[in-house]
C-alpha atoms as a PDB file:
ATOM      1  CA  MET A   1      90.908 192.118 -28.412  1.00  0.00           C
ATOM      2  CA  ARG A   2      91.535 195.797 -29.110  1.00  0.00           C
ATOM      3  CA  ASP A   3      90.366 198.289 -26.518  1.00  0.00           C
ATOM      4  CA  LEU A   4      87.076 200.139 -26.915  1.00  0.00           C
ATOM      5  CA  GLN A   5      88.655 203.489 -27.748  1.00  0.00           C
ATOM      6  CA  ALA A   6      90.616 201.961 -30.628  1.00  0.00           C
ATOM      7  CA  MET A   7      87.385 200.530 -32.051  1.00  0.00           C
ATOM      8  CA  LYS A   8      85.632 203.885 -31.680  1.00  0.00           C
ATOM      9  CA  ASP A   9      88.516 205.604 -33.453  1.00  0.00           C
ATOM     10  CA  GLU A  10      88.280 203.100 -36.329  1.00  0.00           C
ATOM     11  CA  ALA A  11      84.549 203.761 -36.737  1.00  0.00           C
ATOM     12  CA  ALA A  12      85.119 207.519 -36.600  1.00  0.00           C
ATOM     13  CA  ARG A  13      87.785 207.432 -39.293  1.00  0.00           C
ATOM     14  CA  ALA A  14      85.650 205.216 -41.527  1.00  0.00           C
ATOM     15  CA  ALA A  15      82.728 207.629 -41.186  1.00  0.00           C
ATOM     16  CA  LEU A  16      84.773 210.402 -42.816  1.00  0.00           C
ATOM     17  CA  ALA A  17      84.232 208.714 -46.196  1.00  0.00           C
ATOM     18  CA  HIS A  18      80.598 209.859 -45.978  1.00  0.00           C
ATOM     19  CA  VAL A  19      81.354 213.536 -45.257  1.00  0.00           C
ATOM     20  CA  SER A  20      81.271 215.837 -48.298  1.00  0.00           C
ATOM     21  CA  GLU A  21      83.341 218.981 -48.766  1.00  0.00           C
ATOM     22  CA  GLY A  22      81.339 222.128 -48.115  1.00  0.00           C
ATOM     23  CA  ALA A  23      78.474 220.326 -46.399  1.00  0.00           C
ATOM     24  CA  VAL A  24      76.526 221.310 -43.305  1.00  0.00           C
ATOM     25  CA  ILE A  25      76.385 218.325 -40.973  1.00  0.00           C
ATOM     26  CA  GLY A  26      75.112 217.538 -37.509  1.00  0.00           C
ATOM     27  CA  VAL A  27      77.359 216.005 -34.868  1.00  0.00           C
ATOM     28  CA  GLY A  28      76.258 214.059 -31.820  1.00  0.00           C
ATOM     29  CA  THR A  29      77.491 213.726 -28.260  1.00  0.00           C
ATOM     30  CA  GLY A  30      79.483 211.104 -26.373  1.00  0.00           C
ATOM     31  CA  SER A  31      82.839 209.392 -26.564  1.00  0.00           C
ATOM     32  CA  THR A  32      82.378 207.997 -30.081  1.00  0.00           C
ATOM     33  CA  ALA A  33      81.115 211.341 -31.416  1.00  0.00           C
ATOM     34  CA  GLU A  34      84.147 212.960 -29.790  1.00  0.00           C
ATOM     35  CA  ALA A  35      86.383 210.529 -31.691  1.00  0.00           C
ATOM     36  CA  PHE A  36      84.622 211.609 -34.885  1.00  0.00           C
ATOM     37  CA  VAL A  37      85.218 215.304 -34.135  1.00  0.00           C
ATOM     38  CA  ARG A  38      88.923 214.628 -33.571  1.00  0.00           C
ATOM     39  CA  ALA A  39      89.157 212.671 -36.830  1.00  0.00           C
ATOM     40  CA  LEU A  40      87.214 215.353 -38.698  1.00  0.00           C
ATOM     41  CA  GLY A  41      89.503 218.077 -37.393  1.00  0.00           C
ATOM     42  CA  ARG A  42      92.577 216.184 -38.622  1.00  0.00           C
ATOM     43  CA  SER A  43      91.044 215.193 -41.962  1.00  0.00           C
ATOM     44  CA  GLY A  44      91.383 218.490 -43.827  1.00  0.00           C
ATOM     45  CA  ILE A  45      87.740 218.272 -44.953  1.00  0.00           C
ATOM     46  CA  SER A  46      86.365 221.802 -45.248  1.00  0.00           C
ATOM     47  CA  LEU A  47      82.765 222.124 -44.046  1.00  0.00           C
ATOM     48  CA  ALA A  48      80.338 225.001 -44.376  1.00  0.00           C
ATOM     49  CA  GLY A  49      79.539 224.257 -40.750  1.00  0.00           C
ATOM     50  CA  ALA A  50      78.504 221.712 -38.150  1.00  0.00           C
ATOM     51  CA  VAL A  51      75.458 221.754 -35.865  1.00  0.00           C
ATOM     52  CA  PRO A  52      76.320 220.309 -32.420  1.00  0.00           C
ATOM     53  CA  SER A  53      73.854 218.317 -30.341  1.00  0.00           C
ATOM     54  CA  SER A  54      75.307 219.623 -27.072  1.00  0.00           C
ATOM     55  CA  LEU A  55      77.358 222.427 -25.597  1.00  0.00           C
ATOM     56  CA  VAL A  56      80.264 220.016 -25.099  1.00  0.00           C
ATOM     57  CA  THR A  57      80.267 219.012 -28.763  1.00  0.00           C
ATOM     58  CA  GLY A  58      80.042 222.653 -29.810  1.00  0.00           C
ATOM     59  CA  ARG A  59      83.186 223.455 -27.834  1.00  0.00           C
ATOM     60  CA  MET A  60      85.018 220.480 -29.325  1.00  0.00           C
ATOM     61  CA  LEU A  61      84.068 221.483 -32.870  1.00  0.00           C
ATOM     62  CA  ALA A  62      85.285 225.037 -32.299  1.00  0.00           C
ATOM     63  CA  GLU A  63      88.564 223.790 -30.825  1.00  0.00           C
ATOM     64  CA  ALA A  64      89.034 221.584 -33.902  1.00  0.00           C
ATOM     65  CA  GLY A  65      88.618 224.627 -36.172  1.00  0.00           C
ATOM     66  CA  ILE A  66      85.249 223.543 -37.542  1.00  0.00           C
ATOM     67  CA  PRO A  67      82.642 226.327 -38.006  1.00  0.00           C
ATOM     68  CA  VAL A  68      79.849 225.892 -35.475  1.00  0.00           C
ATOM     69  CA  ILE A  69      76.242 226.584 -36.470  1.00  0.00           C
ATOM     70  CA  GLU A  70      73.929 227.121 -33.528  1.00  0.00           C
ATOM     71  CA  PRO A  71      71.088 224.611 -33.192  1.00  0.00           C
ATOM     72  CA  GLY A  72      67.763 226.173 -34.055  1.00  0.00           C
ATOM     73  CA  THR A  73      69.135 228.325 -36.854  1.00  0.00           C
ATOM     74  CA  VAL A  74      68.901 225.711 -39.635  1.00  0.00           C
ATOM     75  CA  CYS A  75      66.011 223.489 -40.692  1.00  0.00           C
ATOM     76  CA  GLY A  76      68.069 220.625 -42.089  1.00  0.00           C
ATOM     77  CA  VAL A  77      71.493 219.034 -42.514  1.00  0.00           C
ATOM     78  CA  SER A  78      72.746 216.644 -45.158  1.00  0.00           C
ATOM     79  CA  LEU A  79      74.269 214.213 -42.662  1.00  0.00           C
ATOM     80  CA  TYR A  80      74.050 213.568 -38.932  1.00  0.00           C
ATOM     81  CA  VAL A  81      76.836 211.559 -37.285  1.00  0.00           C
ATOM     82  CA  ASP A  82      76.427 210.204 -33.774  1.00  0.00           C
ATOM     83  CA  GLY A  83      77.099 207.186 -31.587  1.00  0.00           C
ATOM     84  CA  ALA A  84      74.708 204.900 -29.704  1.00  0.00           C
ATOM     85  CA  ASP A  85      74.525 202.820 -26.545  1.00  0.00           C
ATOM     86  CA  GLU A  86      72.791 199.959 -28.360  1.00  0.00           C
ATOM     87  CA  ALA A  87      71.970 199.163 -31.998  1.00  0.00           C
ATOM     88  CA  ASP A  88      69.783 196.300 -33.225  1.00  0.00           C
ATOM     89  CA  PRO A  89      69.695 194.638 -36.678  1.00  0.00           C
ATOM     90  CA  MET A  90      67.033 197.128 -37.861  1.00  0.00           C
ATOM     91  CA  LEU A  91      69.402 199.970 -36.871  1.00  0.00           C
ATOM     92  CA  ARG A  92      67.012 201.031 -34.146  1.00  0.00           C
ATOM     93  CA  LEU A  93      68.970 202.571 -31.306  1.00  0.00           C
ATOM     94  CA  ILE A  94      69.086 203.356 -27.638  1.00  0.00           C
ATOM     95  CA  LYS A  95      70.903 206.619 -27.011  1.00  0.00           C
ATOM     96  CA  GLY A  96      71.163 209.092 -24.175  1.00  0.00           C
ATOM     97  CA  GLY A  97      73.954 207.813 -21.963  1.00  0.00           C
ATOM     98  CA  GLY A  98      75.619 211.203 -22.440  1.00  0.00           C
ATOM     99  CA  GLY A  99      72.406 213.073 -21.626  1.00  0.00           C
ATOM    100  CA  ALA A 100      71.946 214.911 -24.944  1.00  0.00           C
ATOM    101  CA  LEU A 101      69.141 212.695 -26.218  1.00  0.00           C
ATOM    102  CA  VAL A 102      66.587 215.428 -26.984  1.00  0.00           C
ATOM    103  CA  ARG A 103      68.929 217.546 -29.080  1.00  0.00           C
ATOM    104  CA  GLU A 104      70.250 214.364 -30.702  1.00  0.00           C
ATOM    105  CA  LYS A 105      66.724 213.345 -31.687  1.00  0.00           C
ATOM    106  CA  ILE A 106      66.090 216.795 -33.164  1.00  0.00           C
ATOM    107  CA  ALA A 107      69.306 216.566 -35.183  1.00  0.00           C
ATOM    108  CA  ALA A 108      68.499 213.065 -36.443  1.00  0.00           C
ATOM    109  CA  ALA A 109      64.991 214.121 -37.464  1.00  0.00           C
ATOM    110  CA  MET A 110      66.250 217.007 -39.595  1.00  0.00           C
ATOM    111  CA  ALA A 111      69.018 215.020 -41.298  1.00  0.00           C
ATOM    112  CA  GLU A 112      68.744 213.670 -44.816  1.00  0.00           C
ATOM    113  CA  ARG A 113      70.944 210.785 -43.668  1.00  0.00           C
ATOM    114  CA  PHE A 114      71.699 209.500 -40.171  1.00  0.00           C
ATOM    115  CA  LEU A 115      75.040 207.727 -39.841  1.00  0.00           C
ATOM    116  CA  CYS A 116      75.604 205.985 -36.520  1.00  0.00           C
ATOM    117  CA  ILE A 117      79.136 205.048 -35.451  1.00  0.00           C
ATOM    118  CA  VAL A 118      79.716 202.434 -32.741  1.00  0.00           C
ATOM    119  CA  ASP A 119      82.202 199.876 -31.516  1.00  0.00           C
ATOM    120  CA  GLU A 120      81.036 196.310 -32.043  1.00  0.00           C
ATOM    121  CA  THR A 121      80.127 195.791 -28.360  1.00  0.00           C
ATOM    122  CA  LYS A 122      77.103 198.037 -28.974  1.00  0.00           C
ATOM    123  CA  LEU A 123      75.494 195.565 -31.405  1.00  0.00           C
ATOM    124  CA  VAL A 124      72.592 193.679 -29.806  1.00  0.00           C
ATOM    125  CA  PRO A 125      69.944 191.287 -31.144  1.00  0.00           C
ATOM    126  CA  GLU A 126      67.253 193.202 -29.237  1.00  0.00           C
ATOM    127  CA  LEU A 127      67.210 196.584 -27.526  1.00  0.00           C
ATOM    128  CA  GLY A 128      66.733 196.934 -23.793  1.00  0.00           C
ATOM    129  CA  SER A 129      69.786 195.929 -21.783  1.00  0.00           C
ATOM    130  CA  PHE A 130      71.050 199.505 -21.582  1.00  0.00           C
ATOM    131  CA  PRO A 131      68.882 201.828 -19.438  1.00  0.00           C
ATOM    132  CA  LEU A 132      66.592 204.075 -21.454  1.00  0.00           C
ATOM    133  CA  ALA A 133      67.114 207.783 -20.748  1.00  0.00           C
ATOM    134  CA  ILE A 134      64.025 209.990 -20.498  1.00  0.00           C
ATOM    135  CA  GLU A 135      64.302 213.784 -20.208  1.00  0.00           C
ATOM    136  CA  VAL A 136      61.551 215.184 -18.004  1.00  0.00           C
ATOM    137  CA  LEU A 137      60.272 218.600 -16.969  1.00  0.00           C
ATOM    138  CA  GLY A 138      60.865 219.161 -13.251  1.00  0.00           C
ATOM    139  CA  PRO A 139      57.200 219.429 -12.165  1.00  0.00           C
ATOM    140  CA  ALA A 140      56.449 216.104 -13.856  1.00  0.00           C
ATOM    141  CA  LEU A 141      59.221 213.969 -12.334  1.00  0.00           C
ATOM    142  CA  ALA A 142      57.076 212.087  -9.825  1.00  0.00           C
ATOM    143  CA  SER A 143      54.197 211.684 -12.277  1.00  0.00           C
ATOM    144  CA  VAL A 144      56.444 210.310 -15.035  1.00  0.00           C
ATOM    145  CA  GLU A 145      58.099 207.903 -12.606  1.00  0.00           C
ATOM    146  CA  CYS A 146      54.640 206.612 -11.645  1.00  0.00           C
ATOM    147  CA  HIS A 147      53.716 206.134 -15.312  1.00  0.00           C
ATOM    148  CA  LEU A 148      56.918 204.166 -15.886  1.00  0.00           C
ATOM    149  CA  CYS A 149      56.321 201.958 -12.851  1.00  0.00           C
ATOM    150  CA  VAL A 150      52.789 201.139 -14.066  1.00  0.00           C
ATOM    151  CA  MET A 151      54.381 200.124 -17.396  1.00  0.00           C
ATOM    152  CA  GLY A 152      56.651 197.688 -15.546  1.00  0.00           C
ATOM    153  CA  GLY A 153      59.702 199.926 -15.575  1.00  0.00           C
ATOM    154  CA  LYS A 154      62.213 200.580 -12.831  1.00  0.00           C
ATOM    155  CA  PRO A 155      63.000 204.313 -13.015  1.00  0.00           C
ATOM    156  CA  ARG A 156      65.989 205.990 -11.397  1.00  0.00           C
ATOM    157  CA  LEU A 157      66.641 209.723 -11.391  1.00  0.00           C
ATOM    158  CA  ARG A 158      70.114 210.390 -12.780  1.00  0.00           C
ATOM    159  CA  PRO A 159      71.930 211.919  -9.813  1.00  0.00           C
ATOM    160  CA  GLY A 160      73.415 215.396 -10.140  1.00  0.00           C
ATOM    161  CA  PHE A 161      72.674 215.707 -13.854  1.00  0.00           C
ATOM    162  CA  VAL A 162      70.876 218.525 -15.639  1.00  0.00           C
ATOM    163  CA  SER A 163      70.564 218.533 -19.430  1.00  0.00           C
ATOM    164  CA  ASP A 164      71.609 221.436 -21.656  1.00  0.00           C
ATOM    165  CA  ASN A 165      67.876 222.212 -21.769  1.00  0.00           C
ATOM    166  CA  GLY A 166      67.721 222.579 -17.985  1.00  0.00           C
ATOM    167  CA  ASN A 167      65.815 219.343 -17.357  1.00  0.00           C
ATOM    168  CA  ARG A 168      66.405 216.194 -15.305  1.00  0.00           C
ATOM    169  CA  ILE A 169      66.852 212.705 -16.724  1.00  0.00           C
ATOM    170  CA  ILE A 170      65.280 209.460 -15.543  1.00  0.00           C
ATOM    171  CA  ASP A 171      67.053 206.233 -16.526  1.00  0.00           C
ATOM    172  CA  VAL A 172      64.628 203.331 -16.694  1.00  0.00           C
ATOM    173  CA  THR A 173      65.067 199.576 -17.076  1.00  0.00           C
ATOM    174  CA  GLY A 174      62.513 196.786 -17.320  1.00  0.00           C
ATOM    175  CA  LEU A 175      60.297 198.235 -20.060  1.00  0.00           C
ATOM    176  CA  ASP A 176      59.006 195.959 -22.820  1.00  0.00           C
ATOM    177  CA  LEU A 177      60.960 196.794 -25.986  1.00  0.00           C
ATOM    178  CA  ALA A 178      59.698 193.868 -28.069  1.00  0.00           C
ATOM    179  CA  VAL A 179      58.083 196.416 -30.424  1.00  0.00           C
ATOM    180  CA  PRO A 180      60.162 199.577 -29.937  1.00  0.00           C
ATOM    181  CA  GLU A 181      57.992 201.737 -32.190  1.00  0.00           C
ATOM    182  CA  GLU A 182      54.937 201.109 -29.996  1.00  0.00           C
ATOM    183  CA  LEU A 183      56.848 201.925 -26.814  1.00  0.00           C
ATOM    184  CA  GLU A 184      58.201 205.097 -28.405  1.00  0.00           C
ATOM    185  CA  ALA A 185      54.669 206.304 -29.143  1.00  0.00           C
ATOM    186  CA  VAL A 186      53.565 205.565 -25.572  1.00  0.00           C
ATOM    187  CA  LEU A 187      56.511 207.437 -24.056  1.00  0.00           C
ATOM    188  CA  ASP A 188      55.946 210.418 -26.347  1.00  0.00           C
ATOM    189  CA  ALA A 189      52.387 210.715 -25.044  1.00  0.00           C
ATOM    190  CA  ILE A 190      53.268 210.939 -21.318  1.00  0.00           C
ATOM    191  CA  PRO A 191      52.764 214.523 -20.114  1.00  0.00           C
ATOM    192  CA  GLY A 192      56.027 216.064 -18.950  1.00  0.00           C
ATOM    193  CA  VAL A 193      58.288 213.864 -21.086  1.00  0.00           C
ATOM    194  CA  VAL A 194      60.447 216.179 -23.178  1.00  0.00           C
ATOM    195  CA  GLY A 195      62.070 213.328 -25.061  1.00  0.00           C
ATOM    196  CA  HIS A 196      63.724 209.940 -24.691  1.00  0.00           C
ATOM    197  CA  GLY A 197      66.619 207.951 -26.089  1.00  0.00           C
ATOM    198  CA  LEU A 198      64.659 205.362 -28.069  1.00  0.00           C
ATOM    199  CA  PHE A 199      65.345 205.888 -31.777  1.00  0.00           C
ATOM    200  CA  SER A 200      63.047 203.409 -33.521  1.00  0.00           C
ATOM    201  CA  ARG A 201      60.698 205.527 -35.627  1.00  0.00           C
ATOM    202  CA  ARG A 202      63.777 207.380 -36.891  1.00  0.00           C
ATOM    203  CA  PRO A 203      66.501 204.703 -36.889  1.00  0.00           C
ATOM    204  CA  ALA A 204      69.956 205.119 -38.366  1.00  0.00           C
ATOM    205  CA  ASP A 205      70.317 204.848 -42.135  1.00  0.00           C
ATOM    206  CA  LEU A 206      73.780 203.327 -41.877  1.00  0.00           C
ATOM    207  CA  LEU A 207      75.853 201.840 -39.075  1.00  0.00           C
ATOM    208  CA  VAL A 208      79.657 202.072 -39.166  1.00  0.00           C
ATOM    209  CA  VAL A 209      81.130 199.591 -36.706  1.00  0.00           C
ATOM    210  CA  GLY A 210      84.657 199.601 -35.314  1.00  0.00           C
ATOM    211  CA  LEU A 211      85.886 196.011 -35.024  1.00  0.00           C
ATOM    212  CA  ALA A 212      87.930 194.313 -32.326  1.00  0.00           C
ATOM    213  CA  SER A 213      89.932 192.635 -35.070  1.00  0.00           C
ATOM    214  CA  GLY A 214      90.805 195.998 -36.638  1.00  0.00           C
ATOM    215  CA  GLY A 215      89.169 198.221 -39.235  1.00  0.00           C
ATOM    216  CA  ALA A 216      85.466 198.907 -39.579  1.00  0.00           C
ATOM    217  CA  ARG A 217      82.471 197.545 -41.436  1.00  0.00           C
ATOM    218  CA  GLU A 218      79.217 199.087 -42.607  1.00  0.00           C
ATOM    219  CA  ILE A 219      75.802 197.662 -41.815  1.00  0.00           C
ATOM    220  CA  THR A 220      72.511 198.566 -43.435  1.00  0.00           C
ATOM    221  CA  ALA A 221      69.186 197.678 -41.869  1.00  0.00           C
ATOM    222  CA  ALA A 222      67.784 194.161 -42.070  1.00  0.00           C
ATOM    223  CA  ARG A 223      64.382 195.105 -43.479  1.00  0.00           C
END
């Protein structure tokens, strides 16, 4: 079996086929998104600009010679490219392992098309094995943890981590993700929750998967 980085690199290269010259795109955060930035920088594709979902991604884009557009200065992008920690057959995702989940969700929401790139180990029949990241305002940490416990979750404050927005992140396991859209609505309604890494109401439009056997394949949602 090929190593994970090789599979991520395959997915990143395959994703370039969906990037148009002169476009404004959004770019996510994490190791697979970093592979995409490296591939994009080597590709010779000329973009009008790229909107990063984190400070780290912004620095990488600039180092690759790609014009950086500050988040909050545009209302839409033609394409958003990002990775995921889990992806199910409906292309619903769990994201947030890298801690940029709120800005990633904003970028996905304003994109005409959301392209998710993963290695094939991220494909799951049902979401929920990977801890769900929840970004929380400081004064609400204890209250949100109590809400999650009542819901059957096992929350854990991510040690030593502060998001680019200045907030803490709780990683929670044990929640019922049988109907992800319903859980997403419940989480959104908890006071103090800034955002979370469950992408079910805005799933990916296309999944590009790096394969252990070599190359990549594209997956559309099983509707």
